Amino acid sequence: MAVVKKKIHPQYFDLVAKGRKKYEFRIADFDVKEGDMLVLEEWDPETKKHTGRSLIKKVGYIKKFTFADIEKEFGQTAEQLRQHGFYIIQLD
């Protein structure tokens, strides 16, 4: 089990803290696995400083996608993603 620290903006920090946001969308430029601990450190983008608040969440299901994966698995092209964007949907 690894401990991974990541910055999170205040509006998202509050949603995670209140239990309303139960997912993260992140660029896959770091290693993370199921069971790792994700330390979310609140970061103020205006002051460019940590606020001192943090949350620790255990990583559950995780899936890394590349554009090639999305085209292969879902039949969507990178251009379609650029044009329409995409959702991350939490299933309760």
N, C-alpha and C. Protein backbone atom coordinates (compact mmCIF):
# COMPACT_ATOMS: atom_id res chain seq x y z
N MET A 1 0.84 -1.18 0.00
CA MET A 1 0.00 0.00 0.00
C MET A 1 0.88 1.24 0.00
N ALA A 2 0.61 2.13 -0.92
CA ALA A 2 1.35 3.38 -1.02
C ALA A 2 0.48 4.54 -0.53
N VAL A 3 1.13 5.61 -0.16
CA VAL A 3 0.45 6.85 0.19
C VAL A 3 0.76 7.85 -0.92
N VAL A 4 -0.29 8.36 -1.57
CA VAL A 4 -0.14 9.27 -2.69
C VAL A 4 -0.75 10.62 -2.30
N LYS A 5 0.04 11.68 -2.38
CA LYS A 5 -0.44 13.02 -2.04
C LYS A 5 -0.77 13.79 -3.31
N LYS A 6 -1.94 14.43 -3.32
CA LYS A 6 -2.37 15.23 -4.46
C LYS A 6 -3.05 16.50 -3.98
N LYS A 7 -2.88 17.57 -4.75
CA LYS A 7 -3.56 18.83 -4.47
C LYS A 7 -5.02 18.71 -4.91
N ILE A 8 -5.88 19.47 -4.22
CA ILE A 8 -7.29 19.53 -4.60
C ILE A 8 -7.79 20.94 -4.30
N HIS A 9 -8.53 21.52 -5.23
CA HIS A 9 -9.05 22.88 -5.05
C HIS A 9 -10.16 22.90 -4.00
N PRO A 10 -10.34 24.04 -3.33
CA PRO A 10 -11.29 24.12 -2.21
C PRO A 10 -12.71 23.66 -2.52
N GLN A 11 -13.26 24.01 -3.68
CA GLN A 11 -14.65 23.63 -3.97
C GLN A 11 -14.79 22.11 -4.07
N TYR A 12 -13.78 21.42 -4.55
CA TYR A 12 -13.81 19.96 -4.64
C TYR A 12 -13.48 19.32 -3.29
N PHE A 13 -12.57 19.95 -2.55
CA PHE A 13 -12.24 19.46 -1.22
C PHE A 13 -13.49 19.40 -0.36
N ASP A 14 -14.27 20.47 -0.38
CA ASP A 14 -15.49 20.53 0.43
C ASP A 14 -16.49 19.44 0.03
N LEU A 15 -16.62 19.18 -1.27
CA LEU A 15 -17.54 18.14 -1.73
C LEU A 15 -17.10 16.76 -1.27
N VAL A 16 -15.79 16.50 -1.31
CA VAL A 16 -15.27 15.22 -0.83
C VAL A 16 -15.48 15.13 0.68
N ALA A 17 -15.18 16.21 1.39
CA ALA A 17 -15.31 16.21 2.85
C ALA A 17 -16.74 15.95 3.29
N LYS A 18 -17.71 16.46 2.52
CA LYS A 18 -19.13 16.28 2.84
C LYS A 18 -19.68 14.94 2.36
N GLY A 19 -18.86 14.19 1.63
CA GLY A 19 -19.29 12.88 1.14
C GLY A 19 -20.12 12.93 -0.14
N ARG A 20 -20.22 14.09 -0.78
CA ARG A 20 -20.99 14.22 -2.02
C ARG A 20 -20.18 13.81 -3.24
N LYS A 21 -18.88 14.00 -3.22
CA LYS A 21 -18.01 13.66 -4.35
C LYS A 21 -17.21 12.42 -3.97
N LYS A 22 -17.48 11.32 -4.67
CA LYS A 22 -16.86 10.04 -4.34
C LYS A 22 -16.06 9.48 -5.51
N TYR A 23 -15.41 10.36 -6.21
CA TYR A 23 -14.59 9.97 -7.35
C TYR A 23 -13.54 11.04 -7.56
N GLU A 24 -12.51 10.72 -8.28
CA GLU A 24 -11.50 11.69 -8.68
C GLU A 24 -11.20 11.47 -10.15
N PHE A 25 -11.00 12.53 -10.87
CA PHE A 25 -10.54 12.48 -12.25
C PHE A 25 -9.16 13.10 -12.24
N ARG A 26 -8.18 12.34 -12.63
CA ARG A 26 -6.79 12.81 -12.59
C ARG A 26 -6.05 12.39 -13.85
N ILE A 27 -5.12 13.24 -14.28
CA ILE A 27 -4.19 12.86 -15.33
C ILE A 27 -3.33 11.74 -14.75
N ALA A 28 -3.11 10.70 -15.52
CA ALA A 28 -2.40 9.51 -15.03
C ALA A 28 -0.88 9.69 -15.12
N ASP A 29 -0.38 10.73 -14.47
CA ASP A 29 1.07 11.00 -14.49
C ASP A 29 1.74 10.56 -13.19
N PHE A 30 1.09 9.63 -12.46
CA PHE A 30 1.64 9.10 -11.22
C PHE A 30 1.14 7.67 -11.06
N ASP A 31 1.80 6.91 -10.21
CA ASP A 31 1.40 5.53 -9.97
C ASP A 31 0.41 5.48 -8.81
N VAL A 32 -0.66 4.71 -8.98
CA VAL A 32 -1.64 4.50 -7.92
C VAL A 32 -2.33 3.16 -8.18
N LYS A 33 -2.65 2.46 -7.10
CA LYS A 33 -3.30 1.15 -7.22
C LYS A 33 -4.44 1.06 -6.22
N GLU A 34 -5.34 0.10 -6.46
CA GLU A 34 -6.40 -0.16 -5.51
C GLU A 34 -5.77 -0.48 -4.16
N GLY A 35 -6.34 0.08 -3.11
CA GLY A 35 -5.83 -0.13 -1.77
C GLY A 35 -4.87 0.94 -1.29
N ASP A 36 -4.31 1.73 -2.22
CA ASP A 36 -3.44 2.84 -1.83
C ASP A 36 -4.26 3.88 -1.07
N MET A 37 -3.56 4.71 -0.31
CA MET A 37 -4.20 5.81 0.40
C MET A 37 -3.93 7.10 -0.36
N LEU A 38 -4.99 7.82 -0.69
CA LEU A 38 -4.89 9.08 -1.41
C LEU A 38 -5.07 10.21 -0.41
N VAL A 39 -4.03 11.01 -0.24
CA VAL A 39 -4.09 12.17 0.65
C VAL A 39 -4.40 13.38 -0.22
N LEU A 40 -5.58 13.95 -0.01
CA LEU A 40 -6.00 15.11 -0.78
C LEU A 40 -5.72 16.35 0.07
N GLU A 41 -4.78 17.17 -0.40
CA GLU A 41 -4.37 18.36 0.32
C GLU A 41 -4.98 19.59 -0.35
N GLU A 42 -5.79 20.31 0.41
CA GLU A 42 -6.47 21.48 -0.17
C GLU A 42 -5.44 22.52 -0.60
N TRP A 43 -5.62 23.00 -1.82
CA TRP A 43 -4.69 23.93 -2.45
C TRP A 43 -5.48 25.13 -2.95
N ASP A 44 -5.06 26.31 -2.55
CA ASP A 44 -5.73 27.54 -3.00
C ASP A 44 -5.04 28.02 -4.27
N PRO A 45 -5.74 27.97 -5.41
CA PRO A 45 -5.10 28.36 -6.68
C PRO A 45 -4.78 29.85 -6.76
N GLU A 46 -5.46 30.66 -5.96
CA GLU A 46 -5.18 32.11 -5.99
C GLU A 46 -3.89 32.45 -5.25
N THR A 47 -3.71 31.86 -4.08
CA THR A 47 -2.49 32.13 -3.30
C THR A 47 -1.36 31.18 -3.66
N LYS A 48 -1.73 30.11 -4.37
CA LYS A 48 -0.77 29.06 -4.74
C LYS A 48 -0.10 28.45 -3.51
N LYS A 49 -0.93 28.22 -2.47
CA LYS A 49 -0.44 27.63 -1.22
C LYS A 49 -1.43 26.61 -0.70
N HIS A 50 -0.91 25.65 0.06
CA HIS A 50 -1.78 24.71 0.76
C HIS A 50 -2.51 25.45 1.88
N THR A 51 -3.76 25.06 2.12
CA THR A 51 -4.54 25.71 3.19
C THR A 51 -4.30 25.07 4.54
N GLY A 52 -3.72 23.87 4.55
CA GLY A 52 -3.51 23.14 5.79
C GLY A 52 -4.54 22.05 6.02
N ARG A 53 -5.62 22.06 5.23
CA ARG A 53 -6.62 21.01 5.37
C ARG A 53 -6.27 19.84 4.45
N SER A 54 -6.54 18.63 4.93
CA SER A 54 -6.30 17.45 4.10
C SER A 54 -7.29 16.36 4.47
N LEU A 55 -7.49 15.45 3.54
CA LEU A 55 -8.35 14.28 3.72
C LEU A 55 -7.58 13.05 3.28
N ILE A 56 -7.85 11.93 3.90
CA ILE A 56 -7.25 10.67 3.47
C ILE A 56 -8.37 9.75 3.03
N LYS A 57 -8.26 9.24 1.80
CA LYS A 57 -9.25 8.34 1.23
C LYS A 57 -8.55 7.11 0.68
N LYS A 58 -9.15 5.97 0.88
CA LYS A 58 -8.63 4.72 0.33
C LYS A 58 -9.06 4.61 -1.13
N VAL A 59 -8.13 4.22 -1.99
CA VAL A 59 -8.43 4.07 -3.42
C VAL A 59 -9.19 2.76 -3.62
N GLY A 60 -10.35 2.87 -4.25
CA GLY A 60 -11.15 1.69 -4.60
C GLY A 60 -10.85 1.30 -6.03
N TYR A 61 -11.88 1.11 -6.81
CA TYR A 61 -11.73 0.74 -8.22
C TYR A 61 -11.02 1.86 -8.96
N ILE A 62 -10.10 1.48 -9.82
CA ILE A 62 -9.38 2.46 -10.63
C ILE A 62 -9.17 1.87 -12.02
N LYS A 63 -9.28 2.70 -13.04
CA LYS A 63 -9.08 2.26 -14.42
C LYS A 63 -8.39 3.39 -15.16
N LYS A 64 -7.26 3.09 -15.76
CA LYS A 64 -6.53 4.06 -16.57
C LYS A 64 -6.95 3.88 -18.03
N PHE A 65 -7.23 4.98 -18.70
CA PHE A 65 -7.58 4.97 -20.12
C PHE A 65 -6.62 5.85 -20.90
N THR A 66 -6.29 5.42 -22.10
CA THR A 66 -5.60 6.27 -23.08
C THR A 66 -6.61 6.53 -24.20
N PHE A 67 -6.30 7.46 -25.08
CA PHE A 67 -7.19 7.69 -26.22
C PHE A 67 -7.35 6.41 -27.05
N ALA A 68 -6.26 5.68 -27.20
CA ALA A 68 -6.32 4.43 -27.98
C ALA A 68 -7.27 3.43 -27.30
N ASP A 69 -7.23 3.34 -25.97
CA ASP A 69 -8.14 2.45 -25.24
C ASP A 69 -9.60 2.83 -25.47
N ILE A 70 -9.86 4.12 -25.41
CA ILE A 70 -11.24 4.60 -25.57
C ILE A 70 -11.74 4.31 -26.98
N GLU A 71 -10.89 4.55 -27.97
CA GLU A 71 -11.29 4.26 -29.35
C GLU A 71 -11.55 2.76 -29.53
N LYS A 72 -10.69 1.92 -28.95
CA LYS A 72 -10.83 0.47 -29.10
C LYS A 72 -12.03 -0.07 -28.32
N GLU A 73 -12.16 0.32 -27.04
CA GLU A 73 -13.18 -0.25 -26.17
C GLU A 73 -14.56 0.35 -26.36
N PHE A 74 -14.62 1.64 -26.71
CA PHE A 74 -15.92 2.30 -26.76
C PHE A 74 -16.29 2.84 -28.13
N GLY A 75 -15.37 2.76 -29.08
CA GLY A 75 -15.66 3.23 -30.43
C GLY A 75 -15.74 4.74 -30.56
N GLN A 76 -15.15 5.44 -29.61
CA GLN A 76 -15.14 6.90 -29.65
C GLN A 76 -13.75 7.38 -30.04
N THR A 77 -13.69 8.41 -30.86
CA THR A 77 -12.39 8.93 -31.29
C THR A 77 -11.93 10.06 -30.38
N ALA A 78 -10.65 10.35 -30.44
CA ALA A 78 -10.10 11.46 -29.66
C ALA A 78 -10.79 12.76 -30.05
N GLU A 79 -11.10 12.92 -31.33
CA GLU A 79 -11.78 14.13 -31.79
C GLU A 79 -13.17 14.25 -31.16
N GLN A 80 -13.89 13.14 -31.04
CA GLN A 80 -15.21 13.17 -30.40
C GLN A 80 -15.09 13.59 -28.94
N LEU A 81 -14.04 13.10 -28.27
CA LEU A 81 -13.83 13.50 -26.88
C LEU A 81 -13.50 14.98 -26.77
N ARG A 82 -12.68 15.46 -27.69
CA ARG A 82 -12.35 16.90 -27.67
C ARG A 82 -13.60 17.73 -27.93
N GLN A 83 -14.44 17.28 -28.82
CA GLN A 83 -15.64 18.04 -29.20
C GLN A 83 -16.70 18.03 -28.09
N HIS A 84 -16.94 16.87 -27.50
CA HIS A 84 -18.06 16.73 -26.57
C HIS A 84 -17.65 16.65 -25.10
N GLY A 85 -16.39 16.36 -24.83
CA GLY A 85 -15.99 16.12 -23.46
C GLY A 85 -16.46 14.75 -23.02
N PHE A 86 -16.47 14.50 -21.73
CA PHE A 86 -16.94 13.22 -21.23
C PHE A 86 -17.38 13.38 -19.79
N TYR A 87 -18.08 12.40 -19.30
CA TYR A 87 -18.55 12.38 -17.92
C TYR A 87 -17.76 11.36 -17.12
N ILE A 88 -17.65 11.60 -15.85
CA ILE A 88 -17.30 10.59 -14.88
C ILE A 88 -18.57 10.46 -14.04
N ILE A 89 -19.16 9.30 -14.01
CA ILE A 89 -20.45 9.14 -13.36
C ILE A 89 -20.31 8.25 -12.13
N GLN A 90 -20.78 8.75 -11.02
CA GLN A 90 -20.80 7.97 -9.79
C GLN A 90 -22.09 7.18 -9.75
N LEU A 91 -22.01 5.91 -9.47
CA LEU A 91 -23.18 5.05 -9.37
C LEU A 91 -23.41 4.73 -7.90
N ASP A 92 -24.52 5.17 -7.36
CA ASP A 92 -24.85 4.90 -5.95
C ASP A 92 -25.72 3.69 -5.82
